[in-house]
PDB file of N, CA and C in Angstrom:
ATOM      1  N   MET A   1      69.661  48.140  10.853  1.00  0.00           N
ATOM      2  CA  MET A   1      68.593  47.568  10.042  1.00  0.00           C
ATOM      3  C   MET A   1      68.851  46.095   9.761  1.00  0.00           C
ATOM      4  N   TYR A   2      70.092  45.714   9.612  1.00  0.00           N
ATOM      5  CA  TYR A   2      70.430  44.327   9.269  1.00  0.00           C
ATOM      6  C   TYR A   2      69.994  43.346  10.348  1.00  0.00           C
ATOM      7  N   SER A   3      70.104  43.733  11.587  1.00  0.00           N
ATOM      8  CA  SER A   3      69.782  42.824  12.685  1.00  0.00           C
ATOM      9  C   SER A   3      68.312  42.870  13.100  1.00  0.00           C
ATOM     10  N   GLN A   4      67.525  43.772  12.523  1.00  0.00           N
ATOM     11  CA  GLN A   4      66.111  43.852  12.882  1.00  0.00           C
ATOM     12  C   GLN A   4      65.348  42.660  12.313  1.00  0.00           C
ATOM     13  N   GLU A   5      64.323  42.259  13.049  1.00  0.00           N
ATOM     14  CA  GLU A   5      63.484  41.156  12.595  1.00  0.00           C
ATOM     15  C   GLU A   5      62.555  41.597  11.465  1.00  0.00           C
ATOM     16  N   ASP A   6      62.072  42.824  11.521  1.00  0.00           N
ATOM     17  CA  ASP A   6      61.158  43.360  10.516  1.00  0.00           C
ATOM     18  C   ASP A   6      61.765  44.613   9.890  1.00  0.00           C
ATOM     19  N   LEU A   7      61.398  44.827   8.640  1.00  0.00           N
ATOM     20  CA  LEU A   7      61.865  46.006   7.930  1.00  0.00           C
ATOM     21  C   LEU A   7      60.695  46.550   7.117  1.00  0.00           C
ATOM     22  N   PRO A   8      60.318  47.813   7.339  1.00  0.00           N
ATOM     23  CA  PRO A   8      59.190  48.378   6.594  1.00  0.00           C
ATOM     24  C   PRO A   8      59.450  48.333   5.081  1.00  0.00           C
ATOM     25  N   THR A   9      58.395  48.155   4.323  1.00  0.00           N
ATOM     26  CA  THR A   9      58.554  48.018   2.873  1.00  0.00           C
ATOM     27  C   THR A   9      59.106  49.276   2.220  1.00  0.00           C
ATOM     28  N   ASN A  10      58.788  50.443   2.777  1.00  0.00           N
ATOM     29  CA  ASN A  10      59.326  51.659   2.163  1.00  0.00           C
ATOM     30  C   ASN A  10      60.850  51.722   2.306  1.00  0.00           C
ATOM     31  N   ILE A  11      61.379  51.221   3.407  1.00  0.00           N
ATOM     32  CA  ILE A  11      62.836  51.164   3.596  1.00  0.00           C
ATOM     33  C   ILE A  11      63.442  50.114   2.658  1.00  0.00           C
ATOM     34  N   LEU A  12      62.777  48.969   2.557  1.00  0.00           N
ATOM     35  CA  LEU A  12      63.264  47.924   1.656  1.00  0.00           C
ATOM     36  C   LEU A  12      63.264  48.406   0.207  1.00  0.00           C
ATOM     37  N   MET A  13      62.265  49.187  -0.160  1.00  0.00           N
ATOM     38  CA  MET A  13      62.205  49.752  -1.512  1.00  0.00           C
ATOM     39  C   MET A  13      63.385  50.691  -1.743  1.00  0.00           C
ATOM     40  N   ARG A  14      63.699  51.496  -0.757  1.00  0.00           N
ATOM     41  CA  ARG A  14      64.843  52.412  -0.898  1.00  0.00           C
ATOM     42  C   ARG A  14      66.149  51.647  -1.073  1.00  0.00           C
ATOM     43  N   TRP A  15      66.327  50.596  -0.282  1.00  0.00           N
ATOM     44  CA  TRP A  15      67.530  49.779  -0.430  1.00  0.00           C
ATOM     45  C   TRP A  15      67.567  49.106  -1.800  1.00  0.00           C
ATOM     46  N   SER A  16      66.424  48.638  -2.257  1.00  0.00           N
ATOM     47  CA  SER A  16      66.358  48.012  -3.585  1.00  0.00           C
ATOM     48  C   SER A  16      66.800  48.979  -4.676  1.00  0.00           C
ATOM     49  N   LYS A  17      66.327  50.201  -4.590  1.00  0.00           N
ATOM     50  CA  LYS A  17      66.704  51.206  -5.587  1.00  0.00           C
ATOM     51  C   LYS A  17      68.182  51.577  -5.462  1.00  0.00           C
ATOM     52  N   LEU A  18      68.642  51.752  -4.240  1.00  0.00           N
ATOM     53  CA  LEU A  18      70.028  52.144  -4.014  1.00  0.00           C
ATOM     54  C   LEU A  18      71.008  51.074  -4.501  1.00  0.00           C
ATOM     55  N   LEU A  19      70.717  49.828  -4.188  1.00  0.00           N
ATOM     56  CA  LEU A  19      71.617  48.733  -4.548  1.00  0.00           C
ATOM     57  C   LEU A  19      71.301  48.117  -5.908  1.00  0.00           C
ATOM     58  N   GLU A  20      70.221  48.607  -6.542  1.00  0.00           N
ATOM     59  CA  GLU A  20      69.783  48.092  -7.839  1.00  0.00           C
ATOM     60  C   GLU A  20      69.591  46.575  -7.796  1.00  0.00           C
ATOM     61  N   TYR A  21      68.903  46.126  -6.737  1.00  0.00           N
ATOM     62  CA  TYR A  21      68.591  44.712  -6.564  1.00  0.00           C
ATOM     63  C   TYR A  21      67.155  44.606  -6.060  1.00  0.00           C
ATOM     64  N   ASP A  22      66.394  43.705  -6.657  1.00  0.00           N
ATOM     65  CA  ASP A  22      64.987  43.553  -6.300  1.00  0.00           C
ATOM     66  C   ASP A  22      64.844  42.597  -5.116  1.00  0.00           C
ATOM     67  N   PHE A  23      64.847  43.145  -3.902  1.00  0.00           N
ATOM     68  CA  PHE A  23      64.682  42.313  -2.713  1.00  0.00           C
ATOM     69  C   PHE A  23      63.272  41.734  -2.617  1.00  0.00           C
ATOM     70  N   PHE A  24      62.322  42.356  -3.255  1.00  0.00           N
ATOM     71  CA  PHE A  24      60.948  41.851  -3.226  1.00  0.00           C
ATOM     72  C   PHE A  24      60.799  40.559  -4.033  1.00  0.00           C
ATOM     73  N   ARG A  25      61.686  40.346  -4.985  1.00  0.00           N
ATOM     74  CA  ARG A  25      61.617  39.138  -5.815  1.00  0.00           C
ATOM     75  C   ARG A  25      61.757  37.883  -4.971  1.00  0.00           C
ATOM     76  N   ILE A  26      62.561  37.939  -3.934  1.00  0.00           N
ATOM     77  CA  ILE A  26      62.751  36.788  -3.048  1.00  0.00           C
ATOM     78  C   ILE A  26      61.407  36.343  -2.479  1.00  0.00           C
ATOM     79  N   TYR A  27      60.619  37.309  -2.028  1.00  0.00           N
ATOM     80  CA  TYR A  27      59.335  36.983  -1.425  1.00  0.00           C
ATOM     81  C   TYR A  27      58.298  36.583  -2.463  1.00  0.00           C
ATOM     82  N   SER A  28      58.297  37.247  -3.609  1.00  0.00           N
ATOM     83  CA  SER A  28      57.313  36.902  -4.627  1.00  0.00           C
ATOM     84  C   SER A  28      57.581  35.509  -5.188  1.00  0.00           C
ATOM     85  N   GLN A  29      58.850  35.121  -5.316  1.00  0.00           N
ATOM     86  CA  GLN A  29      59.164  33.768  -5.779  1.00  0.00           C
ATOM     87  C   GLN A  29      58.698  32.741  -4.755  1.00  0.00           C
ATOM     88  N   HIS A  30      58.882  33.050  -3.493  1.00  0.00           N
ATOM     89  CA  HIS A  30      58.415  32.146  -2.445  1.00  0.00           C
ATOM     90  C   HIS A  30      56.898  31.971  -2.528  1.00  0.00           C
ATOM     91  N   LEU A  31      56.185  33.062  -2.737  1.00  0.00           N
ATOM     92  CA  LEU A  31      54.725  32.981  -2.837  1.00  0.00           C
ATOM     93  C   LEU A  31      54.284  32.179  -4.049  1.00  0.00           C
ATOM     94  N   ILE A  32      54.981  32.334  -5.156  1.00  0.00           N
ATOM     95  CA  ILE A  32      54.636  31.582  -6.362  1.00  0.00           C
ATOM     96  C   ILE A  32      54.840  30.095  -6.139  1.00  0.00           C
ATOM     97  N   LEU A  33      55.970  29.730  -5.525  1.00  0.00           N
ATOM     98  CA  LEU A  33      56.269  28.312  -5.329  1.00  0.00           C
ATOM     99  C   LEU A  33      55.392  27.654  -4.272  1.00  0.00           C
ATOM    100  N   TYR A  34      55.095  28.390  -3.215  1.00  0.00           N
ATOM    101  CA  TYR A  34      54.416  27.768  -2.087  1.00  0.00           C
ATOM    102  C   TYR A  34      52.976  28.222  -1.893  1.00  0.00           C
ATOM    103  N   ALA A  35      52.412  28.890  -2.880  1.00  0.00           N
ATOM    104  CA  ALA A  35      51.015  29.312  -2.765  1.00  0.00           C
ATOM    105  C   ALA A  35      50.122  28.077  -2.709  1.00  0.00           C
ATOM    106  N   PRO A  36      49.118  28.092  -1.845  1.00  0.00           N
ATOM    107  CA  PRO A  36      48.229  26.930  -1.775  1.00  0.00           C
ATOM    108  C   PRO A  36      47.433  26.791  -3.060  1.00  0.00           C
ATOM    109  N   PRO A  37      47.080  25.562  -3.428  1.00  0.00           N
ATOM    110  CA  PRO A  37      46.291  25.377  -4.646  1.00  0.00           C
ATOM    111  C   PRO A  37      44.955  26.099  -4.545  1.00  0.00           C
ATOM    112  N   ALA A  38      44.481  26.589  -5.656  1.00  0.00           N
ATOM    113  CA  ALA A  38      43.200  27.305  -5.677  1.00  0.00           C
ATOM    114  C   ALA A  38      42.070  26.349  -5.337  1.00  0.00           C
ATOM    115  N   ALA A  39      41.142  26.816  -4.503  1.00  0.00           N
ATOM    116  CA  ALA A  39      39.998  25.990  -4.131  1.00  0.00           C
ATOM    117  C   ALA A  39      39.055  25.856  -5.320  1.00  0.00           C
ATOM    118  N   ILE A  40      38.598  24.644  -5.533  1.00  0.00           N
ATOM    119  CA  ILE A  40      37.646  24.398  -6.615  1.00  0.00           C
ATOM    120  C   ILE A  40      36.271  24.798  -6.126  1.00  0.00           C
ATOM    121  N   SER A  41      35.566  25.525  -6.947  1.00  0.00           N
ATOM    122  CA  SER A  41      34.264  26.027  -6.545  1.00  0.00           C
ATOM    123  C   SER A  41      33.220  24.919  -6.629  1.00  0.00           C
ATOM    124  N   ASN A  42      32.991  24.240  -5.512  1.00  0.00           N
ATOM    125  CA  ASN A  42      31.947  23.219  -5.439  1.00  0.00           C
ATOM    126  C   ASN A  42      31.015  23.566  -4.283  1.00  0.00           C
ATOM    127  N   GLY A  43      30.415  24.727  -4.410  1.00  0.00           N
ATOM    128  CA  GLY A  43      29.517  25.188  -3.370  1.00  0.00           C
ATOM    129  C   GLY A  43      30.228  26.024  -2.318  1.00  0.00           C
ATOM    130  N   MET A  44      31.563  26.062  -2.407  1.00  0.00           N
ATOM    131  CA  MET A  44      32.316  26.872  -1.448  1.00  0.00           C
ATOM    132  C   MET A  44      32.323  28.325  -1.909  1.00  0.00           C
ATOM    133  N   GLU A  45      32.452  29.216  -0.959  1.00  0.00           N
ATOM    134  CA  GLU A  45      32.515  30.634  -1.293  1.00  0.00           C
ATOM    135  C   GLU A  45      33.830  30.925  -2.010  1.00  0.00           C
ATOM    136  N   VAL A  46      33.747  31.603  -3.135  1.00  0.00           N
ATOM    137  CA  VAL A  46      34.928  31.926  -3.911  1.00  0.00           C
ATOM    138  C   VAL A  46      35.563  33.194  -3.354  1.00  0.00           C
ATOM    139  N   SER A  47      36.860  33.146  -3.146  1.00  0.00           N
ATOM    140  CA  SER A  47      37.576  34.286  -2.587  1.00  0.00           C
ATOM    141  C   SER A  47      37.664  35.422  -3.600  1.00  0.00           C
ATOM    142  N   LYS A  48      37.567  36.634  -3.117  1.00  0.00           N
ATOM    143  CA  LYS A  48      37.686  37.795  -3.990  1.00  0.00           C
ATOM    144  C   LYS A  48      39.114  38.328  -4.008  1.00  0.00           C
ATOM    145  N   LEU A  49      39.991  37.644  -3.283  1.00  0.00           N
ATOM    146  CA  LEU A  49      41.389  38.041  -3.279  1.00  0.00           C
ATOM    147  C   LEU A  49      42.027  37.655  -4.611  1.00  0.00           C
ATOM    148  N   PRO A  50      43.017  38.397  -5.053  1.00  0.00           N
ATOM    149  CA  PRO A  50      43.663  38.051  -6.321  1.00  0.00           C
ATOM    150  C   PRO A  50      44.415  36.731  -6.206  1.00  0.00           C
ATOM    151  N   LYS A  51      44.451  35.973  -7.290  1.00  0.00           N
ATOM    152  CA  LYS A  51      45.184  34.715  -7.347  1.00  0.00           C
ATOM    153  C   LYS A  51      46.528  34.976  -8.005  1.00  0.00           C
ATOM    154  N   PHE A  52      47.531  34.260  -7.553  1.00  0.00           N
ATOM    155  CA  PHE A  52      48.820  34.343  -8.211  1.00  0.00           C
ATOM    156  C   PHE A  52      48.769  33.520  -9.480  1.00  0.00           C
ATOM    157  N   LYS A  53      49.291  34.070 -10.543  1.00  0.00           N
ATOM    158  CA  LYS A  53      49.327  33.340 -11.796  1.00  0.00           C
ATOM    159  C   LYS A  53      50.532  32.421 -11.777  1.00  0.00           C
ATOM    160  N   LYS A  54      50.294  31.143 -12.009  1.00  0.00           N
ATOM    161  CA  LYS A  54      51.362  30.171 -11.946  1.00  0.00           C
ATOM    162  C   LYS A  54      52.300  30.257 -13.150  1.00  0.00           C
ATOM    163  N   ASN A  55      51.939  31.023 -14.178  1.00  0.00           N
ATOM    164  CA  ASN A  55      52.806  31.100 -15.351  1.00  0.00           C
ATOM    165  C   ASN A  55      53.807  32.246 -15.240  1.00  0.00           C
ATOM    166  N   LEU A  56      54.004  32.770 -14.056  1.00  0.00           N
ATOM    167  CA  LEU A  56      54.942  33.861 -13.860  1.00  0.00           C
ATOM    168  C   LEU A  56      56.253  33.344 -13.277  1.00  0.00           C
ATOM    169  N   TYR A  57      56.741  32.241 -13.798  1.00  0.00           N
ATOM    170  CA  TYR A  57      57.970  31.664 -13.289  1.00  0.00           C
ATOM    171  C   TYR A  57      59.162  32.458 -13.800  1.00  0.00           C
ATOM    172  N   THR A  58      60.029  32.850 -12.887  1.00  0.00           N
ATOM    173  CA  THR A  58      61.228  33.586 -13.272  1.00  0.00           C
ATOM    174  C   THR A  58      62.326  32.605 -13.654  1.00  0.00           C
ATOM    175  N   GLN A  59      63.381  33.113 -14.250  1.00  0.00           N
ATOM    176  CA  GLN A  59      64.512  32.261 -14.620  1.00  0.00           C
ATOM    177  C   GLN A  59      65.130  31.616 -13.382  1.00  0.00           C
ATOM    178  N   GLU A  60      65.113  32.325 -12.265  1.00  0.00           N
ATOM    179  CA  GLU A  60      65.675  31.766 -11.036  1.00  0.00           C
ATOM    180  C   GLU A  60      64.870  30.560 -10.556  1.00  0.00           C
ATOM    181  N   ILE A  61      63.551  30.656 -10.647  1.00  0.00           N
ATOM    182  CA  ILE A  61      62.705  29.535 -10.231  1.00  0.00           C
ATOM    183  C   ILE A  61      62.912  28.350 -11.161  1.00  0.00           C
ATOM    184  N   ILE A  62      62.969  28.611 -12.452  1.00  0.00           N
ATOM    185  CA  ILE A  62      63.182  27.537 -13.423  1.00  0.00           C
ATOM    186  C   ILE A  62      64.523  26.859 -13.153  1.00  0.00           C
ATOM    187  N   ALA A  63      65.567  27.649 -12.941  1.00  0.00           N
ATOM    188  CA  ALA A  63      66.893  27.088 -12.665  1.00  0.00           C
ATOM    189  C   ALA A  63      66.886  26.280 -11.367  1.00  0.00           C
ATOM    190  N   PHE A  64      66.192  26.790 -10.354  1.00  0.00           N
ATOM    191  CA  PHE A  64      66.098  26.083  -9.072  1.00  0.00           C
ATOM    192  C   PHE A  64      65.426  24.725  -9.247  1.00  0.00           C
ATOM    193  N   VAL A  65      64.310  24.696  -9.953  1.00  0.00           N
ATOM    194  CA  VAL A  65      63.569  23.453 -10.147  1.00  0.00           C
ATOM    195  C   VAL A  65      64.384  22.469 -10.979  1.00  0.00           C
ATOM    196  N   LEU A  66      65.009  22.943 -12.048  1.00  0.00           N
ATOM    197  CA  LEU A  66      65.813  22.056 -12.888  1.00  0.00           C
ATOM    198  C   LEU A  66      67.025  21.526 -12.130  1.00  0.00           C
ATOM    199  N   GLU A  67      67.570  22.323 -11.240  1.00  0.00           N
ATOM    200  CA  GLU A  67      68.706  21.868 -10.421  1.00  0.00           C
ATOM    201  C   GLU A  67      68.265  20.767  -9.462  1.00  0.00           C
ATOM    202  N   LEU A  68      67.055  20.882  -8.908  1.00  0.00           N
ATOM    203  CA  LEU A  68      66.526  19.829  -8.034  1.00  0.00           C
ATOM    204  C   LEU A  68      66.435  18.499  -8.773  1.00  0.00           C
ATOM    205  N   ILE A  69      66.009  18.563 -10.017  1.00  0.00           N
ATOM    206  CA  ILE A  69      65.889  17.344 -10.822  1.00  0.00           C
ATOM    207  C   ILE A  69      67.275  16.817 -11.180  1.00  0.00           C
ATOM    208  N   LYS A  70      68.150  17.706 -11.610  1.00  0.00           N
ATOM    209  CA  LYS A  70      69.491  17.320 -12.054  1.00  0.00           C
ATOM    210  C   LYS A  70      70.281  16.641 -10.940  1.00  0.00           C
ATOM    211  N   THR A  71      70.186  17.165  -9.720  1.00  0.00           N
ATOM    212  CA  THR A  71      70.929  16.593  -8.598  1.00  0.00           C
ATOM    213  C   THR A  71      70.252  15.353  -8.022  1.00  0.00           C
ATOM    214  N   GLY A  72      69.029  15.072  -8.458  1.00  0.00           N
ATOM    215  CA  GLY A  72      68.311  13.920  -7.945  1.00  0.00           C
ATOM    216  C   GLY A  72      67.662  14.166  -6.598  1.00  0.00           C
ATOM    217  N   GLU A  73      67.663  15.412  -6.154  1.00  0.00           N
ATOM    218  CA  GLU A  73      67.057  15.741  -4.864  1.00  0.00           C
ATOM    219  C   GLU A  73      65.543  15.517  -4.896  1.00  0.00           C
ATOM    220  N   LYS A  74      64.932  15.797  -6.037  1.00  0.00           N
ATOM    221  CA  LYS A  74      63.495  15.577  -6.208  1.00  0.00           C
ATOM    222  C   LYS A  74      63.245  14.998  -7.608  1.00  0.00           C
ATOM    223  N   THR A  75      62.182  14.207  -7.699  1.00  0.00           N
ATOM    224  CA  THR A  75      61.771  13.687  -8.995  1.00  0.00           C
ATOM    225  C   THR A  75      60.806  14.681  -9.643  1.00  0.00           C
ATOM    226  N   LYS A  76      60.545  14.468 -10.908  1.00  0.00           N
ATOM    227  CA  LYS A  76      59.581  15.334 -11.600  1.00  0.00           C
ATOM    228  C   LYS A  76      58.220  15.258 -10.925  1.00  0.00           C
ATOM    229  N   ARG A  77      57.816  14.067 -10.532  1.00  0.00           N
ATOM    230  CA  ARG A  77      56.506  13.881  -9.883  1.00  0.00           C
ATOM    231  C   ARG A  77      56.448  14.638  -8.567  1.00  0.00           C
ATOM    232  N   GLN A  78      57.517  14.612  -7.788  1.00  0.00           N
ATOM    233  CA  GLN A  78      57.541  15.339  -6.521  1.00  0.00           C
ATOM    234  C   GLN A  78      57.412  16.842  -6.752  1.00  0.00           C
ATOM    235  N   ILE A  79      58.078  17.352  -7.779  1.00  0.00           N
ATOM    236  CA  ILE A  79      58.009  18.780  -8.076  1.00  0.00           C
ATOM    237  C   ILE A  79      56.601  19.175  -8.496  1.00  0.00           C
ATOM    238  N   VAL A  80      55.993  18.362  -9.346  1.00  0.00           N
ATOM    239  CA  VAL A  80      54.624  18.640  -9.783  1.00  0.00           C
ATOM    240  C   VAL A  80      53.686  18.641  -8.581  1.00  0.00           C
ATOM    241  N   ASP A  81      53.844  17.668  -7.688  1.00  0.00           N
ATOM    242  CA  ASP A  81      52.960  17.563  -6.526  1.00  0.00           C
ATOM    243  C   ASP A  81      53.205  18.662  -5.498  1.00  0.00           C
ATOM    244  N   GLU A  82      54.471  18.946  -5.203  1.00  0.00           N
ATOM    245  CA  GLU A  82      54.789  19.894  -4.139  1.00  0.00           C
ATOM    246  C   GLU A  82      54.619  21.355  -4.547  1.00  0.00           C
ATOM    247  N   TYR A  83      55.005  21.686  -5.768  1.00  0.00           N
ATOM    248  CA  TYR A  83      54.999  23.089  -6.191  1.00  0.00           C
ATOM    249  C   TYR A  83      53.829  23.449  -7.103  1.00  0.00           C
ATOM    250  N   GLY A  84      53.089  22.460  -7.553  1.00  0.00           N
ATOM    251  CA  GLY A  84      51.930  22.744  -8.395  1.00  0.00           C
ATOM    252  C   GLY A  84      52.288  23.180  -9.807  1.00  0.00           C
ATOM    253  N   ILE A  85      53.500  22.876 -10.230  1.00  0.00           N
ATOM    254  CA  ILE A  85      53.912  23.205 -11.594  1.00  0.00           C
ATOM    255  C   ILE A  85      53.345  22.129 -12.512  1.00  0.00           C
ATOM    256  N   PRO A  86      52.637  22.508 -13.562  1.00  0.00           N
ATOM    257  CA  PRO A  86      52.075  21.502 -14.458  1.00  0.00           C
ATOM    258  C   PRO A  86      53.168  20.636 -15.085  1.00  0.00           C
ATOM    259  N   ASN A  87      52.861  19.369 -15.254  1.00  0.00           N
ATOM    260  CA  ASN A  87      53.810  18.426 -15.834  1.00  0.00           C
ATOM    261  C   ASN A  87      54.249  18.863 -17.225  1.00  0.00           C
ATOM    262  N   SER A  88      53.322  19.383 -18.017  1.00  0.00           N
ATOM    263  CA  SER A  88      53.676  19.833 -19.370  1.00  0.00           C
ATOM    264  C   SER A  88      54.661  20.999 -19.321  1.00  0.00           C
ATOM    265  N   THR A  89      54.474  21.899 -18.371  1.00  0.00           N
ATOM    266  CA  THR A  89      55.396  23.028 -18.214  1.00  0.00           C
ATOM    267  C   THR A  89      56.780  22.539 -17.821  1.00  0.00           C
ATOM    268  N   LEU A  90      56.833  21.605 -16.880  1.00  0.00           N
ATOM    269  CA  LEU A  90      58.106  21.051 -16.443  1.00  0.00           C
ATOM    270  C   LEU A  90      58.834  20.353 -17.592  1.00  0.00           C
ATOM    271  N   ASN A  91      58.088  19.603 -18.381  1.00  0.00           N
ATOM    272  CA  ASN A  91      58.699  18.928 -19.537  1.00  0.00           C
ATOM    273  C   ASN A  91      59.209  19.928 -20.568  1.00  0.00           C
ATOM    274  N   LYS A  92      58.490  21.020 -20.773  1.00  0.00           N
ATOM    275  CA  LYS A  92      58.955  22.060 -21.700  1.00  0.00           C
ATOM    276  C   LYS A  92      60.259  22.672 -21.217  1.00  0.00           C
ATOM    277  N   TRP A  93      60.351  22.910 -19.901  1.00  0.00           N
ATOM    278  CA  TRP A  93      61.587  23.464 -19.344  1.00  0.00           C
ATOM    279  C   TRP A  93      62.750  22.511 -19.570  1.00  0.00           C
ATOM    280  N   VAL A  94      62.517  21.231 -19.303  1.00  0.00           N
ATOM    281  CA  VAL A  94      63.586  20.237 -19.475  1.00  0.00           C
ATOM    282  C   VAL A  94      64.032  20.206 -20.929  1.00  0.00           C
ATOM    283  N   ASN A  95      63.086  20.195 -21.860  1.00  0.00           N
ATOM    284  CA  ASN A  95      63.440  20.155 -23.277  1.00  0.00           C
ATOM    285  C   ASN A  95      64.113  21.455 -23.733  1.00  0.00           C
ATOM    286  N   LYS A  96      63.602  22.575 -23.269  1.00  0.00           N
ATOM    287  CA  LYS A  96      64.121  23.868 -23.712  1.00  0.00           C
ATOM    288  C   LYS A  96      65.534  24.121 -23.206  1.00  0.00           C
ATOM    289  N   TYR A  97      65.763  23.817 -21.940  1.00  0.00           N
ATOM    290  CA  TYR A  97      67.063  24.124 -21.354  1.00  0.00           C
ATOM    291  C   TYR A  97      68.026  22.938 -21.413  1.00  0.00           C
ATOM    292  N   ASN A  98      67.502  21.764 -21.784  1.00  0.00           N
ATOM    293  CA  ASN A  98      68.307  20.560 -22.039  1.00  0.00           C
ATOM    294  C   ASN A  98      69.400  20.353 -20.995  1.00  0.00           C
ATOM    295  N   THR A  99      69.011  20.439 -19.739  1.00  0.00           N
ATOM    296  CA  THR A  99      69.988  20.310 -18.666  1.00  0.00           C
ATOM    297  C   THR A  99      69.973  18.940 -18.017  1.00  0.00           C
ATOM    298  N   ILE A 100      69.028  18.096 -18.408  1.00  0.00           N
ATOM    299  CA  ILE A 100      68.914  16.793 -17.734  1.00  0.00           C
ATOM    300  C   ILE A 100      69.225  15.693 -18.722  1.00  0.00           C
TER     301      ILE A 100
END
């Protein structure tokens, strides 16, 4: 299973339960960070697919973003632009965790 390119979700769920580790979190965090911005309804057809809520940031995502700022790898503006995290949210994280 380790060397396979694809793994069915039911097998991944079993491994998650057996090892008591949420392997699905890796993918959901990726979707939260890299989800395309929602289209503004200006005559365009609105999608009926569910939207990811941007306020579902996990501690791992917060730590990752704050580490990017702390190491100087990215500026606050780059994070806001690339990941779509609101500037006010980013500032709250910086103030709350006081890591910068």
